[in-house]
């Protein structure tokens, strides 16, 4: 049976680094699934992507998957570890989709996660801990990501929060909420 892990936290908290440590500890071959879309016009974005690339071990395979995440997960073989970084970027890639289309994408994703034979580590940003965004797209992003993280967290064997320079294993320290359909 596959192991599903969620690593979540605020920006620049070290969540990707912790996920990478967990991937190494798995002692499996790692496939890094990058959800970002490269943009040569945005130098700061390119620098962020480059920092992630430079930190990864050279023997890790990288797949750039901005949209077809469920298909990549479904094709994964046993005895590998998929590190998906990040769900926030993946959600952002679909912001122009209507709500029904988005819900179908999420349903397919969550169903696929439960069928995958490979170990999976998902990195997700925490949003919504502050002011409600003053624009519709910001609220849509916050709500979609928050809902997705909650639903995925209910499927995971381990959930970590990385913040303030510390890693908290929420699976040990916390209690899961009852699942709810969203």
C-alpha atoms as a PDB file:
ATOM      1  CA  UNK A   1       0.000   0.000   0.000  1.00  0.00           C
ATOM      2  CA  UNK A   2       1.270   3.443  -0.854  1.00  0.00           C
ATOM      3  CA  UNK A   3       2.096   6.104   1.696  1.00  0.00           C
ATOM      4  CA  UNK A   4       0.574   9.554   1.219  1.00  0.00           C
ATOM      5  CA  UNK A   5       2.128  12.546   2.987  1.00  0.00           C
ATOM      6  CA  UNK A   6       1.097  16.192   3.012  1.00  0.00           C
ATOM      7  CA  UNK A   7       3.558  18.968   3.908  1.00  0.00           C
ATOM      8  CA  UNK A   8       1.972  22.365   4.347  1.00  0.00           C
ATOM      9  CA  UNK A   9       3.006  25.772   5.615  1.00  0.00           C
ATOM     10  CA  UNK A  10       3.421  29.436   4.746  1.00  0.00           C
ATOM     11  CA  UNK A  11       5.686  30.920   2.089  1.00  0.00           C
ATOM     12  CA  UNK A  12       9.427  30.436   2.599  1.00  0.00           C
ATOM     13  CA  UNK A  13       8.825  28.207   5.620  1.00  0.00           C
ATOM     14  CA  UNK A  14      10.954  25.293   4.408  1.00  0.00           C
ATOM     15  CA  UNK A  15       8.072  23.019   3.458  1.00  0.00           C
ATOM     16  CA  UNK A  16       9.680  22.011   0.148  1.00  0.00           C
ATOM     17  CA  UNK A  17      12.963  21.290   1.922  1.00  0.00           C
ATOM     18  CA  UNK A  18      11.168  19.100   4.486  1.00  0.00           C
ATOM     19  CA  UNK A  19       9.348  17.260   1.700  1.00  0.00           C
ATOM     20  CA  UNK A  20      12.707  16.662   0.004  1.00  0.00           C
ATOM     21  CA  UNK A  21      14.132  15.253   3.254  1.00  0.00           C
ATOM     22  CA  UNK A  22      11.140  12.906   3.540  1.00  0.00           C
ATOM     23  CA  UNK A  23      11.629  11.809  -0.072  1.00  0.00           C
ATOM     24  CA  UNK A  24      15.282  10.963   0.598  1.00  0.00           C
ATOM     25  CA  UNK A  25      14.296   9.082   3.774  1.00  0.00           C
ATOM     26  CA  UNK A  26      11.875   6.953   1.735  1.00  0.00           C
ATOM     27  CA  UNK A  27      14.934   5.297   0.121  1.00  0.00           C
ATOM     28  CA  UNK A  28      12.937   5.019  -3.099  1.00  0.00           C
ATOM     29  CA  UNK A  29      13.675   6.431  -6.519  1.00  0.00           C
ATOM     30  CA  UNK A  30      12.204   9.942  -6.514  1.00  0.00           C
ATOM     31  CA  UNK A  31      10.268  11.649  -9.262  1.00  0.00           C
ATOM     32  CA  UNK A  32       9.881  15.364  -8.612  1.00  0.00           C
ATOM     33  CA  UNK A  33       6.586  16.581 -10.068  1.00  0.00           C
ATOM     34  CA  UNK A  34       6.832  20.337 -10.610  1.00  0.00           C
ATOM     35  CA  UNK A  35       3.490  22.066 -11.121  1.00  0.00           C
ATOM     36  CA  UNK A  36       4.926  25.477 -12.022  1.00  0.00           C
ATOM     37  CA  UNK A  37       4.744  26.939 -15.479  1.00  0.00           C
ATOM     38  CA  UNK A  38       8.057  28.571 -16.346  1.00  0.00           C
ATOM     39  CA  UNK A  39       7.812  32.209 -17.412  1.00  0.00           C
ATOM     40  CA  UNK A  40      10.936  33.737 -18.928  1.00  0.00           C
ATOM     41  CA  UNK A  41       9.401  37.222 -18.525  1.00  0.00           C
ATOM     42  CA  UNK A  42       9.323  36.854 -14.723  1.00  0.00           C
ATOM     43  CA  UNK A  43      12.921  36.724 -13.460  1.00  0.00           C
ATOM     44  CA  UNK A  44      11.955  36.399  -9.791  1.00  0.00           C
ATOM     45  CA  UNK A  45       9.767  33.375 -10.603  1.00  0.00           C
ATOM     46  CA  UNK A  46      12.591  31.847 -12.637  1.00  0.00           C
ATOM     47  CA  UNK A  47      14.960  32.324  -9.676  1.00  0.00           C
ATOM     48  CA  UNK A  48      12.570  30.475  -7.375  1.00  0.00           C
ATOM     49  CA  UNK A  49      12.334  27.585  -9.821  1.00  0.00           C
ATOM     50  CA  UNK A  50      16.122  27.535 -10.205  1.00  0.00           C
ATOM     51  CA  UNK A  51      16.636  27.402  -6.411  1.00  0.00           C
ATOM     52  CA  UNK A  52      14.400  24.342  -6.227  1.00  0.00           C
ATOM     53  CA  UNK A  53      16.240  22.672  -9.113  1.00  0.00           C
ATOM     54  CA  UNK A  54      19.670  23.296  -7.579  1.00  0.00           C
ATOM     55  CA  UNK A  55      18.627  21.821  -4.227  1.00  0.00           C
ATOM     56  CA  UNK A  56      17.414  18.519  -5.678  1.00  0.00           C
ATOM     57  CA  UNK A  57      19.683  15.477  -5.906  1.00  0.00           C
ATOM     58  CA  UNK A  58      20.838  14.932  -9.480  1.00  0.00           C
ATOM     59  CA  UNK A  59      19.517  11.380  -9.614  1.00  0.00           C
ATOM     60  CA  UNK A  60      15.916  12.569  -9.203  1.00  0.00           C
ATOM     61  CA  UNK A  61      13.825  12.657 -12.342  1.00  0.00           C
ATOM     62  CA  UNK A  62      11.781  15.836 -12.832  1.00  0.00           C
ATOM     63  CA  UNK A  63       8.428  16.048 -14.585  1.00  0.00           C
ATOM     64  CA  UNK A  64       6.840  19.413 -15.324  1.00  0.00           C
ATOM     65  CA  UNK A  65       3.120  18.900 -14.859  1.00  0.00           C
ATOM     66  CA  UNK A  66       1.145  22.136 -14.649  1.00  0.00           C
ATOM     67  CA  UNK A  67      -2.232  20.532 -15.427  1.00  0.00           C
ATOM     68  CA  UNK A  68      -2.398  16.742 -15.887  1.00  0.00           C
ATOM     69  CA  UNK A  69      -1.467  15.806 -12.316  1.00  0.00           C
ATOM     70  CA  UNK A  70      -4.039  13.028 -11.960  1.00  0.00           C
ATOM     71  CA  UNK A  71      -2.807  11.321 -15.135  1.00  0.00           C
ATOM     72  CA  UNK A  72       0.826  11.419 -13.927  1.00  0.00           C
ATOM     73  CA  UNK A  73      -0.162  10.007 -10.549  1.00  0.00           C
ATOM     74  CA  UNK A  74      -2.227   7.258 -12.167  1.00  0.00           C
ATOM     75  CA  UNK A  75       0.758   6.188 -14.294  1.00  0.00           C
ATOM     76  CA  UNK A  76       3.143   5.943 -11.325  1.00  0.00           C
ATOM     77  CA  UNK A  77       4.708   2.578 -10.657  1.00  0.00           C
ATOM     78  CA  UNK A  78       5.139   0.994  -7.217  1.00  0.00           C
ATOM     79  CA  UNK A  79       8.454   1.396  -5.410  1.00  0.00           C
ATOM     80  CA  UNK A  80       8.919   5.053  -6.337  1.00  0.00           C
ATOM     81  CA  UNK A  81       8.256   8.263  -4.466  1.00  0.00           C
ATOM     82  CA  UNK A  82       6.450  11.103  -6.193  1.00  0.00           C
ATOM     83  CA  UNK A  83       7.162  14.517  -4.686  1.00  0.00           C
ATOM     84  CA  UNK A  84       4.524  16.982  -5.933  1.00  0.00           C
ATOM     85  CA  UNK A  85       5.530  20.619  -5.439  1.00  0.00           C
ATOM     86  CA  UNK A  86       3.191  22.429  -5.168  1.00  0.00           C
ATOM     87  CA  UNK A  87      -0.562  22.138  -4.932  1.00  0.00           C
ATOM     88  CA  UNK A  88      -0.958  25.906  -4.603  1.00  0.00           C
ATOM     89  CA  UNK A  89       0.676  26.427  -7.969  1.00  0.00           C
ATOM     90  CA  UNK A  90      -1.425  23.624  -9.442  1.00  0.00           C
ATOM     91  CA  UNK A  91      -4.618  25.255  -8.129  1.00  0.00           C
ATOM     92  CA  UNK A  92      -3.507  28.628  -9.526  1.00  0.00           C
ATOM     93  CA  UNK A  93      -3.105  27.034 -12.955  1.00  0.00           C
ATOM     94  CA  UNK A  94      -6.874  26.330 -12.957  1.00  0.00           C
ATOM     95  CA  UNK A  95      -8.225  29.619 -11.603  1.00  0.00           C
ATOM     96  CA  UNK A  96      -9.973  30.427 -14.858  1.00  0.00           C
ATOM     97  CA  UNK A  97     -11.998  27.213 -14.735  1.00  0.00           C
ATOM     98  CA  UNK A  98     -15.611  27.476 -13.579  1.00  0.00           C
ATOM     99  CA  UNK A  99     -16.557  25.914 -10.250  1.00  0.00           C
ATOM    100  CA  UNK A 100     -18.145  22.756 -11.698  1.00  0.00           C
ATOM    101  CA  UNK A 101     -15.086  22.040 -13.854  1.00  0.00           C
ATOM    102  CA  UNK A 102     -12.810  22.641 -10.868  1.00  0.00           C
ATOM    103  CA  UNK A 103     -14.848  20.289  -8.657  1.00  0.00           C
ATOM    104  CA  UNK A 104     -14.556  17.569 -11.308  1.00  0.00           C
ATOM    105  CA  UNK A 105     -10.777  18.071 -11.454  1.00  0.00           C
ATOM    106  CA  UNK A 106     -10.547  17.804  -7.655  1.00  0.00           C
ATOM    107  CA  UNK A 107     -12.747  14.711  -7.531  1.00  0.00           C
ATOM    108  CA  UNK A 108     -10.608  12.985 -10.171  1.00  0.00           C
ATOM    109  CA  UNK A 109      -7.441  13.978  -8.288  1.00  0.00           C
ATOM    110  CA  UNK A 110      -8.664  12.699  -4.897  1.00  0.00           C
ATOM    111  CA  UNK A 111      -9.927   9.435  -6.383  1.00  0.00           C
ATOM    112  CA  UNK A 112      -6.621   8.928  -8.178  1.00  0.00           C
ATOM    113  CA  UNK A 113      -4.580   9.554  -5.008  1.00  0.00           C
ATOM    114  CA  UNK A 114      -6.414   6.667  -3.344  1.00  0.00           C
ATOM    115  CA  UNK A 115      -5.504   4.262  -6.172  1.00  0.00           C
ATOM    116  CA  UNK A 116      -1.826   5.072  -6.723  1.00  0.00           C
ATOM    117  CA  UNK A 117       0.683   2.340  -5.865  1.00  0.00           C
ATOM    118  CA  UNK A 118       3.628   4.753  -5.454  1.00  0.00           C
ATOM    119  CA  UNK A 119       4.419   6.740  -2.321  1.00  0.00           C
ATOM    120  CA  UNK A 120       3.400  10.378  -2.682  1.00  0.00           C
ATOM    121  CA  UNK A 121       4.495  13.542  -0.900  1.00  0.00           C
ATOM    122  CA  UNK A 122       2.464  16.667  -1.602  1.00  0.00           C
ATOM    123  CA  UNK A 123       3.612  20.203  -0.799  1.00  0.00           C
ATOM    124  CA  UNK A 124       0.869  22.791  -0.268  1.00  0.00           C
ATOM    125  CA  UNK A 125       0.884  26.424   0.723  1.00  0.00           C
ATOM    126  CA  UNK A 126      -1.273  27.611   3.613  1.00  0.00           C
ATOM    127  CA  UNK A 127      -3.443  30.555   2.686  1.00  0.00           C
ATOM    128  CA  UNK A 128      -6.321  32.227   4.427  1.00  0.00           C
ATOM    129  CA  UNK A 129      -4.613  32.851   7.778  1.00  0.00           C
ATOM    130  CA  UNK A 130      -4.988  36.574   7.325  1.00  0.00           C
ATOM    131  CA  UNK A 131      -7.195  39.135   5.675  1.00  0.00           C
ATOM    132  CA  UNK A 132      -9.866  37.958   3.253  1.00  0.00           C
ATOM    133  CA  UNK A 133      -8.632  38.951  -0.216  1.00  0.00           C
ATOM    134  CA  UNK A 134     -10.351  42.030  -1.568  1.00  0.00           C
ATOM    135  CA  UNK A 135     -10.732  40.592  -5.062  1.00  0.00           C
ATOM    136  CA  UNK A 136     -12.686  37.609  -6.366  1.00  0.00           C
ATOM    137  CA  UNK A 137      -9.747  35.703  -7.877  1.00  0.00           C
ATOM    138  CA  UNK A 138      -7.841  35.869  -4.582  1.00  0.00           C
ATOM    139  CA  UNK A 139     -10.835  34.531  -2.674  1.00  0.00           C
ATOM    140  CA  UNK A 140     -11.359  31.768  -5.227  1.00  0.00           C
ATOM    141  CA  UNK A 141      -7.706  30.714  -4.951  1.00  0.00           C
ATOM    142  CA  UNK A 142      -7.752  30.769  -1.148  1.00  0.00           C
ATOM    143  CA  UNK A 143     -10.997  28.811  -0.920  1.00  0.00           C
ATOM    144  CA  UNK A 144     -10.063  26.220  -3.555  1.00  0.00           C
ATOM    145  CA  UNK A 145      -6.641  25.559  -2.085  1.00  0.00           C
ATOM    146  CA  UNK A 146      -7.943  25.431   1.487  1.00  0.00           C
ATOM    147  CA  UNK A 147     -10.657  22.965   0.543  1.00  0.00           C
ATOM    148  CA  UNK A 148      -8.256  20.795  -1.470  1.00  0.00           C
ATOM    149  CA  UNK A 149      -5.699  20.679   1.348  1.00  0.00           C
ATOM    150  CA  UNK A 150      -8.359  19.713   3.862  1.00  0.00           C
ATOM    151  CA  UNK A 151      -9.713  16.936   1.670  1.00  0.00           C
ATOM    152  CA  UNK A 152      -6.254  15.599   0.801  1.00  0.00           C
ATOM    153  CA  UNK A 153      -5.174  15.785   4.437  1.00  0.00           C
ATOM    154  CA  UNK A 154      -7.987  13.377   5.284  1.00  0.00           C
ATOM    155  CA  UNK A 155      -6.434  10.801   2.929  1.00  0.00           C
ATOM    156  CA  UNK A 156      -2.874  11.126   4.223  1.00  0.00           C
ATOM    157  CA  UNK A 157      -1.059   8.891   6.686  1.00  0.00           C
ATOM    158  CA  UNK A 158       1.140  11.821   7.700  1.00  0.00           C
ATOM    159  CA  UNK A 159       0.479  15.566   7.659  1.00  0.00           C
ATOM    160  CA  UNK A 160       3.213  18.061   8.543  1.00  0.00           C
ATOM    161  CA  UNK A 161       3.064  21.797   9.198  1.00  0.00           C
ATOM    162  CA  UNK A 162       6.328  23.645   8.619  1.00  0.00           C
ATOM    163  CA  UNK A 163       6.432  27.102  10.184  1.00  0.00           C
ATOM    164  CA  UNK A 164       8.715  29.266  12.255  1.00  0.00           C
ATOM    165  CA  UNK A 165      11.709  27.082  11.439  1.00  0.00           C
ATOM    166  CA  UNK A 166      10.058  23.990  12.913  1.00  0.00           C
ATOM    167  CA  UNK A 167       8.299  20.917  11.603  1.00  0.00           C
ATOM    168  CA  UNK A 168       5.178  19.759  13.394  1.00  0.00           C
ATOM    169  CA  UNK A 169       3.765  16.314  12.725  1.00  0.00           C
ATOM    170  CA  UNK A 170       0.058  17.097  12.854  1.00  0.00           C
ATOM    171  CA  UNK A 171      -0.764  13.398  12.511  1.00  0.00           C
ATOM    172  CA  UNK A 172       0.738  12.849  15.954  1.00  0.00           C
ATOM    173  CA  UNK A 173      -0.116  16.165  17.619  1.00  0.00           C
ATOM    174  CA  UNK A 174      -3.590  16.737  16.235  1.00  0.00           C
ATOM    175  CA  UNK A 175      -6.874  15.043  15.621  1.00  0.00           C
ATOM    176  CA  UNK A 176      -8.386  14.874  12.149  1.00  0.00           C
ATOM    177  CA  UNK A 177     -11.706  16.570  11.559  1.00  0.00           C
ATOM    178  CA  UNK A 178     -14.467  14.304  10.329  1.00  0.00           C
ATOM    179  CA  UNK A 179     -14.473  14.302   6.545  1.00  0.00           C
ATOM    180  CA  UNK A 180     -17.049  16.446   4.857  1.00  0.00           C
ATOM    181  CA  UNK A 181     -18.149  16.637   1.295  1.00  0.00           C
ATOM    182  CA  UNK A 182     -17.263  19.977  -0.269  1.00  0.00           C
END
